[in-house]
N, C-alpha and C. Protein backbone atom coordinates (compact mmCIF):
# COMPACT_ATOMS: atom_id res chain seq x y z
N UNK A 1 -15.83 51.41 32.09
CA UNK A 1 -16.94 51.75 31.25
C UNK A 1 -16.37 52.33 29.96
N UNK A 2 -17.02 51.96 28.82
CA UNK A 2 -16.61 52.46 27.51
C UNK A 2 -17.75 53.24 26.90
N UNK A 3 -17.41 54.16 26.06
CA UNK A 3 -18.44 54.93 25.36
C UNK A 3 -18.58 54.33 23.98
N UNK A 4 -19.81 53.98 23.62
CA UNK A 4 -20.10 53.38 22.33
C UNK A 4 -20.24 54.44 21.25
N UNK A 5 -20.74 54.08 20.10
CA UNK A 5 -20.87 54.97 18.96
C UNK A 5 -21.78 56.13 19.27
N UNK A 6 -22.74 56.38 19.35
CA UNK A 6 -23.56 57.55 19.48
C UNK A 6 -23.69 58.00 20.93
N UNK A 7 -22.60 57.97 21.63
CA UNK A 7 -22.61 58.46 22.99
C UNK A 7 -23.22 57.50 23.99
N UNK A 8 -23.61 56.29 23.58
CA UNK A 8 -24.19 55.33 24.53
C UNK A 8 -23.07 54.67 25.30
N UNK A 9 -23.39 54.26 26.43
CA UNK A 9 -22.39 53.64 27.27
C UNK A 9 -22.59 52.12 27.27
N UNK A 10 -21.47 51.43 27.07
CA UNK A 10 -21.49 49.98 27.09
C UNK A 10 -20.70 49.54 28.32
N UNK A 11 -21.31 48.69 29.10
CA UNK A 11 -20.63 48.23 30.31
C UNK A 11 -20.10 46.82 30.10
N UNK A 12 -18.84 46.66 30.36
CA UNK A 12 -18.25 45.32 30.36
C UNK A 12 -17.73 45.13 31.77
N UNK A 13 -18.32 44.18 32.43
CA UNK A 13 -17.94 43.96 33.81
C UNK A 13 -16.60 43.29 33.93
N UNK A 14 -16.01 43.46 35.09
CA UNK A 14 -14.73 42.83 35.34
C UNK A 14 -14.84 41.31 35.27
N UNK A 15 -15.95 40.77 35.69
CA UNK A 15 -16.14 39.31 35.65
C UNK A 15 -16.11 38.79 34.23
N UNK A 16 -16.83 39.47 33.33
CA UNK A 16 -16.89 39.01 31.94
C UNK A 16 -15.51 39.08 31.30
N UNK A 17 -14.80 40.17 31.53
CA UNK A 17 -13.46 40.31 30.97
C UNK A 17 -12.50 39.28 31.52
N UNK A 18 -12.58 39.05 32.83
CA UNK A 18 -11.72 38.05 33.47
C UNK A 18 -12.03 36.65 32.98
N UNK A 19 -13.32 36.39 32.80
CA UNK A 19 -13.74 35.08 32.30
C UNK A 19 -13.22 34.84 30.89
N UNK A 20 -13.30 35.88 30.07
CA UNK A 20 -12.82 35.77 28.69
C UNK A 20 -11.31 35.50 28.67
N UNK A 21 -10.55 36.27 29.45
CA UNK A 21 -9.10 36.09 29.51
C UNK A 21 -8.77 34.70 30.06
N UNK A 22 -9.48 34.26 31.07
CA UNK A 22 -9.26 32.93 31.63
C UNK A 22 -9.51 31.83 30.61
N UNK A 23 -10.60 31.97 29.85
CA UNK A 23 -10.90 30.98 28.81
C UNK A 23 -9.82 30.94 27.75
N UNK A 24 -9.30 32.08 27.36
CA UNK A 24 -8.24 32.14 26.35
C UNK A 24 -6.97 31.46 26.87
N UNK A 25 -6.65 31.68 28.12
CA UNK A 25 -5.45 31.06 28.70
C UNK A 25 -5.61 29.54 28.73
N UNK A 26 -6.77 29.05 29.17
CA UNK A 26 -7.02 27.62 29.21
C UNK A 26 -6.96 27.02 27.80
N UNK A 27 -7.52 27.71 26.81
CA UNK A 27 -7.50 27.23 25.42
C UNK A 27 -6.06 27.15 24.91
N UNK A 28 -5.26 28.17 25.19
CA UNK A 28 -3.86 28.16 24.76
C UNK A 28 -3.08 27.02 25.42
N UNK A 29 -3.29 26.82 26.69
CA UNK A 29 -2.61 25.73 27.39
C UNK A 29 -3.03 24.38 26.80
N UNK A 30 -4.33 24.24 26.54
CA UNK A 30 -4.82 23.00 25.93
C UNK A 30 -4.18 22.73 24.58
N UNK A 31 -4.05 23.77 23.75
CA UNK A 31 -3.42 23.60 22.44
C UNK A 31 -1.95 23.23 22.58
N UNK A 32 -1.25 23.87 23.53
CA UNK A 32 0.16 23.55 23.74
C UNK A 32 0.34 22.10 24.19
N UNK A 33 -0.52 21.65 25.08
CA UNK A 33 -0.44 20.26 25.55
C UNK A 33 -0.72 19.29 24.41
N UNK A 34 -1.74 19.59 23.59
CA UNK A 34 -2.07 18.71 22.46
C UNK A 34 -0.93 18.65 21.47
N UNK A 35 -0.33 19.80 21.17
CA UNK A 35 0.80 19.83 20.23
C UNK A 35 2.00 19.09 20.80
N UNK A 36 2.25 19.27 22.11
CA UNK A 36 3.37 18.58 22.75
C UNK A 36 3.16 17.08 22.74
N UNK A 37 1.94 16.63 22.98
CA UNK A 37 1.63 15.20 22.98
C UNK A 37 1.84 14.62 21.59
N UNK A 38 1.37 15.32 20.56
CA UNK A 38 1.54 14.86 19.18
C UNK A 38 3.02 14.80 18.82
N UNK A 39 3.77 15.83 19.21
CA UNK A 39 5.20 15.85 18.92
C UNK A 39 5.91 14.70 19.64
N UNK A 40 5.52 14.44 20.87
CA UNK A 40 6.13 13.34 21.63
C UNK A 40 5.82 12.00 20.98
N UNK A 41 4.59 11.82 20.49
CA UNK A 41 4.24 10.57 19.81
C UNK A 41 5.06 10.39 18.54
N UNK A 42 5.23 11.47 17.78
CA UNK A 42 6.03 11.39 16.56
C UNK A 42 7.49 11.06 16.88
N UNK A 43 8.03 11.68 17.92
CA UNK A 43 9.41 11.38 18.32
C UNK A 43 9.56 9.93 18.76
N UNK A 44 8.57 9.42 19.51
CA UNK A 44 8.60 8.02 19.92
C UNK A 44 8.64 7.10 18.70
N UNK A 45 7.85 7.44 17.68
CA UNK A 45 7.82 6.63 16.46
C UNK A 45 9.19 6.65 15.77
N UNK A 46 9.84 7.80 15.76
CA UNK A 46 11.16 7.90 15.13
C UNK A 46 12.17 7.05 15.88
N UNK A 47 12.21 7.18 17.21
CA UNK A 47 13.21 6.44 17.99
C UNK A 47 12.95 4.95 18.02
N UNK A 48 11.70 4.54 17.95
CA UNK A 48 11.39 3.11 18.00
C UNK A 48 11.50 2.44 16.63
N UNK A 49 11.63 3.24 15.58
CA UNK A 49 11.71 2.68 14.23
C UNK A 49 10.35 2.52 13.58
N UNK A 50 9.28 2.81 14.31
CA UNK A 50 7.93 2.65 13.76
C UNK A 50 7.69 3.60 12.60
N UNK A 51 8.23 4.82 12.67
CA UNK A 51 8.05 5.79 11.58
C UNK A 51 8.68 5.26 10.29
N UNK A 52 9.84 4.64 10.42
CA UNK A 52 10.50 4.07 9.24
C UNK A 52 9.68 2.94 8.66
N UNK A 53 9.17 2.06 9.52
CA UNK A 53 8.33 0.95 9.05
C UNK A 53 7.09 1.46 8.34
N UNK A 54 6.42 2.47 8.94
CA UNK A 54 5.22 3.02 8.32
C UNK A 54 5.53 3.66 6.97
N UNK A 55 6.64 4.37 6.90
CA UNK A 55 7.05 5.00 5.63
C UNK A 55 7.37 3.96 4.57
N UNK A 56 8.07 2.90 4.97
CA UNK A 56 8.39 1.83 4.02
C UNK A 56 7.13 1.15 3.50
N UNK A 57 6.17 0.92 4.40
CA UNK A 57 4.92 0.28 3.97
C UNK A 57 4.16 1.17 2.99
N UNK A 58 4.11 2.48 3.27
CA UNK A 58 3.45 3.39 2.33
C UNK A 58 4.16 3.37 0.98
N UNK A 59 5.50 3.39 1.02
CA UNK A 59 6.27 3.38 -0.22
C UNK A 59 6.04 2.09 -1.00
N UNK A 60 6.04 0.96 -0.31
CA UNK A 60 5.83 -0.31 -0.99
C UNK A 60 4.44 -0.40 -1.59
N UNK A 61 3.44 0.02 -0.85
CA UNK A 61 2.08 -0.09 -1.36
C UNK A 61 1.84 0.84 -2.54
N UNK A 62 2.66 1.88 -2.66
CA UNK A 62 2.53 2.80 -3.78
C UNK A 62 3.51 2.46 -4.90
N UNK A 63 4.28 1.39 -4.75
CA UNK A 63 5.21 0.96 -5.79
C UNK A 63 6.51 1.74 -5.81
N UNK A 64 6.87 2.35 -4.69
CA UNK A 64 8.13 3.07 -4.59
C UNK A 64 9.11 2.20 -3.82
N UNK A 65 10.29 2.68 -3.60
CA UNK A 65 11.26 1.93 -2.82
C UNK A 65 11.86 0.81 -3.65
N UNK A 66 12.30 -0.25 -2.99
CA UNK A 66 12.98 -1.33 -3.68
C UNK A 66 12.07 -2.10 -4.63
N UNK A 67 10.78 -2.14 -4.36
CA UNK A 67 9.85 -2.86 -5.23
C UNK A 67 9.44 -2.05 -6.45
N UNK A 68 9.65 -0.75 -6.40
CA UNK A 68 9.22 0.14 -7.48
C UNK A 68 9.69 -0.27 -8.86
N UNK A 69 10.99 -0.52 -9.05
CA UNK A 69 11.46 -0.90 -10.38
C UNK A 69 10.80 -2.17 -10.92
N UNK A 70 10.57 -3.15 -10.04
CA UNK A 70 9.92 -4.39 -10.45
C UNK A 70 8.49 -4.12 -10.92
N UNK A 71 7.74 -3.33 -10.14
CA UNK A 71 6.35 -3.03 -10.48
C UNK A 71 6.29 -2.18 -11.75
N UNK A 72 7.18 -1.21 -11.87
CA UNK A 72 7.19 -0.36 -13.09
C UNK A 72 7.52 -1.20 -14.33
N UNK A 73 8.45 -2.14 -14.20
CA UNK A 73 8.82 -3.00 -15.33
C UNK A 73 7.65 -3.89 -15.73
N UNK A 74 6.94 -4.41 -14.74
CA UNK A 74 5.76 -5.23 -15.01
C UNK A 74 4.71 -4.42 -15.76
N UNK A 75 4.44 -3.22 -15.28
CA UNK A 75 3.46 -2.34 -15.91
C UNK A 75 3.87 -1.99 -17.34
N UNK A 76 5.14 -1.67 -17.51
CA UNK A 76 5.66 -1.32 -18.85
C UNK A 76 5.57 -2.50 -19.82
N UNK A 77 5.90 -3.69 -19.33
CA UNK A 77 5.87 -4.88 -20.19
C UNK A 77 4.44 -5.22 -20.62
N UNK A 78 3.48 -5.08 -19.72
CA UNK A 78 2.09 -5.32 -20.10
C UNK A 78 1.58 -4.22 -21.03
N UNK A 79 1.95 -2.97 -20.77
CA UNK A 79 1.52 -1.86 -21.62
C UNK A 79 2.04 -2.03 -23.05
N UNK A 80 3.24 -2.59 -23.20
CA UNK A 80 3.80 -2.84 -24.53
C UNK A 80 2.97 -3.86 -25.31
N UNK A 81 2.18 -4.64 -24.61
CA UNK A 81 1.30 -5.64 -25.23
C UNK A 81 -0.16 -5.19 -25.21
N UNK A 82 -0.38 -3.90 -24.99
CA UNK A 82 -1.72 -3.30 -24.95
C UNK A 82 -2.62 -3.93 -23.88
N UNK A 83 -2.01 -4.27 -22.76
CA UNK A 83 -2.77 -4.81 -21.62
C UNK A 83 -2.57 -3.84 -20.46
N UNK A 84 -3.68 -3.39 -19.91
CA UNK A 84 -3.61 -2.46 -18.79
C UNK A 84 -3.73 -3.23 -17.48
N UNK A 85 -2.84 -2.89 -16.54
CA UNK A 85 -2.95 -3.41 -15.18
C UNK A 85 -3.85 -2.44 -14.43
N UNK A 86 -5.01 -2.92 -13.99
CA UNK A 86 -6.00 -2.03 -13.38
C UNK A 86 -6.37 -2.48 -11.97
N UNK A 87 -6.99 -1.60 -11.23
CA UNK A 87 -7.47 -1.88 -9.87
C UNK A 87 -6.35 -2.37 -8.96
N UNK A 88 -5.24 -1.66 -8.95
CA UNK A 88 -4.09 -2.03 -8.13
C UNK A 88 -4.47 -2.10 -6.66
N UNK A 89 -4.19 -3.23 -6.05
CA UNK A 89 -4.39 -3.42 -4.61
C UNK A 89 -3.11 -4.02 -4.05
N UNK A 90 -2.81 -3.70 -2.82
CA UNK A 90 -1.62 -4.28 -2.20
C UNK A 90 -1.93 -4.66 -0.76
N UNK A 91 -1.16 -5.61 -0.26
CA UNK A 91 -1.33 -6.06 1.12
C UNK A 91 0.02 -6.48 1.68
N UNK A 92 0.25 -6.11 2.92
CA UNK A 92 1.46 -6.48 3.64
C UNK A 92 1.22 -7.81 4.33
N UNK A 93 2.22 -8.70 4.31
CA UNK A 93 2.02 -10.00 4.97
C UNK A 93 2.44 -9.99 6.44
N UNK A 94 2.92 -8.87 6.93
CA UNK A 94 3.31 -8.77 8.34
C UNK A 94 4.68 -9.35 8.63
N UNK A 95 5.35 -9.89 7.61
CA UNK A 95 6.67 -10.49 7.81
C UNK A 95 7.71 -9.89 6.85
N UNK A 96 7.46 -8.68 6.40
CA UNK A 96 8.40 -8.02 5.50
C UNK A 96 8.10 -8.24 4.03
N UNK A 97 7.04 -8.94 3.72
CA UNK A 97 6.66 -9.17 2.33
C UNK A 97 5.43 -8.36 1.97
N UNK A 98 5.20 -8.27 0.67
CA UNK A 98 4.04 -7.54 0.19
C UNK A 98 3.53 -8.20 -1.08
N UNK A 99 2.23 -8.11 -1.30
CA UNK A 99 1.62 -8.66 -2.51
C UNK A 99 0.82 -7.57 -3.21
N UNK A 100 0.90 -7.57 -4.52
CA UNK A 100 0.12 -6.65 -5.35
C UNK A 100 -0.84 -7.49 -6.18
N UNK A 101 -2.00 -6.95 -6.46
CA UNK A 101 -2.96 -7.66 -7.30
C UNK A 101 -3.51 -6.70 -8.34
N UNK A 102 -3.61 -7.16 -9.58
CA UNK A 102 -4.11 -6.36 -10.69
C UNK A 102 -5.14 -7.14 -11.49
N UNK A 103 -6.06 -6.43 -12.09
CA UNK A 103 -6.98 -7.03 -13.06
C UNK A 103 -6.45 -6.66 -14.43
N UNK A 104 -6.36 -7.63 -15.32
CA UNK A 104 -5.91 -7.34 -16.68
C UNK A 104 -7.05 -6.70 -17.45
N UNK A 105 -6.81 -5.52 -17.96
CA UNK A 105 -7.81 -4.74 -18.70
C UNK A 105 -9.13 -4.63 -17.93
N UNK A 106 -9.05 -4.64 -16.62
CA UNK A 106 -10.24 -4.45 -15.78
C UNK A 106 -11.13 -5.67 -15.64
N UNK A 107 -10.73 -6.81 -16.15
CA UNK A 107 -11.55 -8.02 -16.10
C UNK A 107 -11.28 -8.81 -14.83
N UNK A 108 -12.32 -9.09 -14.08
CA UNK A 108 -12.20 -9.91 -12.88
C UNK A 108 -11.88 -11.37 -13.17
N UNK A 109 -11.92 -11.75 -14.44
CA UNK A 109 -11.59 -13.14 -14.83
C UNK A 109 -10.10 -13.33 -15.08
N UNK A 110 -9.35 -12.23 -15.10
CA UNK A 110 -7.91 -12.30 -15.38
C UNK A 110 -7.17 -11.50 -14.32
N UNK A 111 -6.52 -12.20 -13.41
CA UNK A 111 -5.88 -11.57 -12.26
C UNK A 111 -4.40 -11.90 -12.24
N UNK A 112 -3.59 -10.86 -12.06
CA UNK A 112 -2.15 -11.03 -11.90
C UNK A 112 -1.79 -10.61 -10.48
N UNK A 113 -1.05 -11.48 -9.81
CA UNK A 113 -0.57 -11.17 -8.46
C UNK A 113 0.95 -11.20 -8.47
N UNK A 114 1.52 -10.26 -7.74
CA UNK A 114 2.96 -10.19 -7.56
C UNK A 114 3.21 -10.37 -6.07
N UNK A 115 3.91 -11.43 -5.71
CA UNK A 115 4.24 -11.69 -4.31
C UNK A 115 5.74 -11.44 -4.14
N UNK A 116 6.08 -10.51 -3.25
CA UNK A 116 7.48 -10.19 -2.98
C UNK A 116 7.73 -10.52 -1.52
N UNK A 117 8.66 -11.43 -1.29
CA UNK A 117 8.95 -11.90 0.06
C UNK A 117 10.32 -11.41 0.50
N UNK A 118 10.63 -11.62 1.76
CA UNK A 118 11.91 -11.15 2.30
C UNK A 118 13.09 -11.97 1.78
N UNK A 119 12.86 -13.23 1.43
CA UNK A 119 13.94 -14.07 0.90
C UNK A 119 13.33 -15.26 0.16
N UNK A 120 14.18 -16.02 -0.51
CA UNK A 120 13.72 -17.15 -1.33
C UNK A 120 13.10 -18.27 -0.50
N UNK A 121 13.65 -18.55 0.68
CA UNK A 121 13.09 -19.62 1.51
C UNK A 121 11.68 -19.27 2.00
N UNK A 122 11.49 -18.02 2.37
CA UNK A 122 10.16 -17.57 2.80
C UNK A 122 9.19 -17.65 1.63
N UNK A 123 9.67 -17.27 0.44
CA UNK A 123 8.81 -17.35 -0.75
C UNK A 123 8.35 -18.79 -0.97
N UNK A 124 9.26 -19.72 -0.93
CA UNK A 124 8.91 -21.12 -1.17
C UNK A 124 7.90 -21.62 -0.14
N UNK A 125 8.12 -21.27 1.12
CA UNK A 125 7.20 -21.72 2.18
C UNK A 125 5.81 -21.10 2.01
N UNK A 126 5.75 -19.81 1.74
CA UNK A 126 4.45 -19.13 1.60
C UNK A 126 3.70 -19.57 0.35
N UNK A 127 4.42 -19.78 -0.73
CA UNK A 127 3.76 -20.24 -1.96
C UNK A 127 3.21 -21.65 -1.78
N UNK A 128 3.92 -22.47 -1.01
CA UNK A 128 3.42 -23.82 -0.70
C UNK A 128 2.12 -23.71 0.09
N UNK A 129 2.08 -22.78 1.07
CA UNK A 129 0.86 -22.57 1.86
C UNK A 129 -0.30 -22.08 1.00
N UNK A 130 -0.02 -21.10 0.14
CA UNK A 130 -1.10 -20.46 -0.64
C UNK A 130 -1.56 -21.28 -1.83
N UNK A 131 -0.60 -21.88 -2.55
CA UNK A 131 -0.95 -22.53 -3.81
C UNK A 131 -0.65 -24.03 -3.84
N UNK A 132 -0.04 -24.55 -2.79
CA UNK A 132 0.27 -25.97 -2.75
C UNK A 132 1.48 -26.34 -3.58
N UNK A 133 2.28 -25.35 -3.96
CA UNK A 133 3.45 -25.61 -4.79
C UNK A 133 4.54 -24.62 -4.43
N UNK A 134 5.73 -25.12 -4.16
CA UNK A 134 6.84 -24.23 -3.79
C UNK A 134 7.89 -24.12 -4.88
N UNK A 135 7.65 -24.75 -6.02
CA UNK A 135 8.62 -24.73 -7.11
C UNK A 135 8.66 -23.39 -7.83
N UNK A 136 9.59 -23.29 -8.79
CA UNK A 136 9.74 -22.05 -9.56
C UNK A 136 8.68 -21.90 -10.64
N UNK A 137 8.09 -23.04 -11.07
CA UNK A 137 7.05 -22.98 -12.10
C UNK A 137 5.97 -23.99 -11.78
N UNK A 138 4.73 -23.57 -12.02
CA UNK A 138 3.62 -24.49 -11.80
C UNK A 138 2.41 -24.00 -12.59
N UNK A 139 1.59 -24.96 -12.99
CA UNK A 139 0.29 -24.65 -13.59
C UNK A 139 -0.73 -25.49 -12.83
N UNK A 140 -1.71 -24.82 -12.28
CA UNK A 140 -2.73 -25.49 -11.49
C UNK A 140 -4.07 -25.27 -12.18
N UNK A 141 -4.71 -26.37 -12.58
CA UNK A 141 -6.01 -26.26 -13.25
C UNK A 141 -7.07 -26.96 -12.42
N UNK A 142 -8.24 -26.34 -12.38
CA UNK A 142 -9.40 -26.98 -11.76
C UNK A 142 -10.64 -26.45 -12.46
N UNK A 143 -11.80 -26.83 -11.98
CA UNK A 143 -13.04 -26.43 -12.64
C UNK A 143 -13.26 -24.92 -12.60
N UNK A 144 -12.65 -24.24 -11.65
CA UNK A 144 -12.84 -22.79 -11.53
C UNK A 144 -11.95 -21.99 -12.46
N UNK A 145 -10.81 -22.55 -12.83
CA UNK A 145 -9.91 -21.81 -13.70
C UNK A 145 -8.53 -22.41 -13.77
N UNK A 146 -7.60 -21.58 -14.23
CA UNK A 146 -6.23 -22.01 -14.43
C UNK A 146 -5.30 -20.98 -13.81
N UNK A 147 -4.32 -21.44 -13.05
CA UNK A 147 -3.36 -20.56 -12.39
C UNK A 147 -1.96 -20.95 -12.82
N UNK A 148 -1.23 -19.97 -13.34
CA UNK A 148 0.17 -20.17 -13.74
C UNK A 148 1.06 -19.40 -12.77
N UNK A 149 2.08 -20.09 -12.25
CA UNK A 149 2.99 -19.49 -11.28
C UNK A 149 4.40 -19.54 -11.84
N UNK A 150 5.08 -18.39 -11.77
CA UNK A 150 6.49 -18.30 -12.15
C UNK A 150 7.20 -17.60 -11.01
N UNK A 151 8.31 -18.19 -10.54
CA UNK A 151 9.03 -17.62 -9.40
C UNK A 151 10.51 -17.58 -9.68
N UNK A 152 11.15 -16.63 -9.02
CA UNK A 152 12.61 -16.55 -9.05
C UNK A 152 13.04 -15.82 -7.79
N UNK A 153 13.97 -16.41 -7.05
CA UNK A 153 14.47 -15.78 -5.84
C UNK A 153 13.35 -15.51 -4.85
N UNK A 154 13.17 -14.26 -4.51
CA UNK A 154 12.18 -13.86 -3.51
C UNK A 154 10.86 -13.40 -4.11
N UNK A 155 10.68 -13.54 -5.44
CA UNK A 155 9.50 -13.03 -6.14
C UNK A 155 8.72 -14.16 -6.81
N UNK A 156 7.40 -14.10 -6.70
CA UNK A 156 6.52 -15.00 -7.43
C UNK A 156 5.49 -14.17 -8.19
N UNK A 157 5.29 -14.53 -9.45
CA UNK A 157 4.27 -13.90 -10.28
C UNK A 157 3.21 -14.95 -10.56
N UNK A 158 1.95 -14.58 -10.35
CA UNK A 158 0.86 -15.53 -10.46
C UNK A 158 -0.22 -14.96 -11.38
N UNK A 159 -0.64 -15.77 -12.35
CA UNK A 159 -1.73 -15.37 -13.25
C UNK A 159 -2.86 -16.37 -13.10
N UNK A 160 -4.05 -15.86 -12.79
CA UNK A 160 -5.22 -16.72 -12.66
C UNK A 160 -6.26 -16.28 -13.67
N UNK A 161 -6.72 -17.23 -14.46
CA UNK A 161 -7.77 -16.97 -15.46
C UNK A 161 -8.93 -17.90 -15.18
N UNK A 162 -10.15 -17.36 -15.30
CA UNK A 162 -11.32 -18.19 -15.04
C UNK A 162 -12.37 -17.92 -16.11
N UNK A 163 -13.38 -18.78 -16.10
CA UNK A 163 -14.46 -18.61 -17.07
C UNK A 163 -14.09 -19.14 -18.43
N UNK A 164 -14.85 -18.75 -19.44
CA UNK A 164 -14.65 -19.25 -20.79
C UNK A 164 -13.49 -18.60 -21.53
N UNK A 165 -12.88 -17.57 -20.94
CA UNK A 165 -11.80 -16.86 -21.63
C UNK A 165 -10.45 -17.15 -20.99
N UNK A 166 -10.23 -18.37 -20.57
CA UNK A 166 -9.01 -18.70 -19.83
C UNK A 166 -7.73 -18.49 -20.61
N UNK A 167 -7.76 -18.63 -21.91
CA UNK A 167 -6.52 -18.65 -22.67
C UNK A 167 -6.19 -17.36 -23.41
N UNK A 168 -7.02 -16.32 -23.32
CA UNK A 168 -6.78 -15.16 -24.20
C UNK A 168 -5.52 -14.36 -23.87
N UNK A 169 -5.07 -14.34 -22.64
CA UNK A 169 -3.85 -13.61 -22.28
C UNK A 169 -2.68 -14.53 -21.94
N UNK A 170 -2.89 -15.82 -21.97
CA UNK A 170 -1.89 -16.77 -21.48
C UNK A 170 -0.51 -16.58 -22.08
N UNK A 171 -0.41 -16.47 -23.38
CA UNK A 171 0.89 -16.30 -24.05
C UNK A 171 1.57 -14.99 -23.68
N UNK A 172 0.79 -13.92 -23.67
CA UNK A 172 1.34 -12.61 -23.36
C UNK A 172 1.80 -12.53 -21.90
N UNK A 173 1.01 -13.09 -21.00
CA UNK A 173 1.37 -13.09 -19.58
C UNK A 173 2.64 -13.89 -19.37
N UNK A 174 2.76 -15.02 -20.03
CA UNK A 174 3.95 -15.85 -19.91
C UNK A 174 5.19 -15.09 -20.38
N UNK A 175 5.09 -14.37 -21.48
CA UNK A 175 6.21 -13.56 -21.98
C UNK A 175 6.59 -12.48 -20.98
N UNK A 176 5.59 -11.79 -20.43
CA UNK A 176 5.86 -10.72 -19.46
C UNK A 176 6.52 -11.28 -18.22
N UNK A 177 5.98 -12.39 -17.69
CA UNK A 177 6.56 -12.99 -16.49
C UNK A 177 8.02 -13.37 -16.74
N UNK A 178 8.30 -13.99 -17.88
CA UNK A 178 9.66 -14.40 -18.22
C UNK A 178 10.57 -13.17 -18.28
N UNK A 179 10.11 -12.12 -18.95
CA UNK A 179 10.89 -10.88 -19.07
C UNK A 179 11.18 -10.25 -17.72
N UNK A 180 10.15 -10.09 -16.90
CA UNK A 180 10.31 -9.42 -15.61
C UNK A 180 11.20 -10.22 -14.67
N UNK A 181 11.01 -11.52 -14.61
CA UNK A 181 11.85 -12.34 -13.73
C UNK A 181 13.31 -12.35 -14.18
N UNK A 182 13.54 -12.24 -15.48
CA UNK A 182 14.94 -12.17 -15.97
C UNK A 182 15.62 -10.86 -15.58
N UNK A 183 14.84 -9.84 -15.23
CA UNK A 183 15.40 -8.55 -14.80
C UNK A 183 15.94 -8.62 -13.36
N UNK A 184 15.48 -9.62 -12.60
CA UNK A 184 15.94 -9.76 -11.21
C UNK A 184 17.37 -10.27 -11.16
N UNK A 185 18.09 -9.83 -10.15
CA UNK A 185 19.48 -10.30 -9.97
C UNK A 185 19.51 -11.70 -9.43
């Protein structure tokens, strides 16, 4: 029994106190098990190499790692021509490659794609699947628009223009593609 503030007595039964202590012990054990499980999952990812793969994918999608210099050079070359690469999106192909897509100055009619593959043979095969052409240079025109492809080694740069403004960036994009591909070893 405890004495409260103005001499009143407050009763806390043994059951209530025991129940409270028991709940705290169960909560602590639950937290320890949850933390241990999370730590074990993280360790499994490290030993299996999954953590490295996930980190590499995050780095690639953010333009860091080995692809970073290529993406930064592309951005710099377009910026020098007062063209902004906007709405950056990226996708992993599941085979060690990644693709980036940009809208030129925010226009959905002018799209630049950067395809980075694991090697030149894979690039040629995938470009044949996607665009029907595995060569280093191609221009594909149809009623929907015009697509220019420039490739070197394991990288392909693709510019697609549609609508009535198909030619407004063509010369500048060609210069940028030539410049960026010449930077590759």
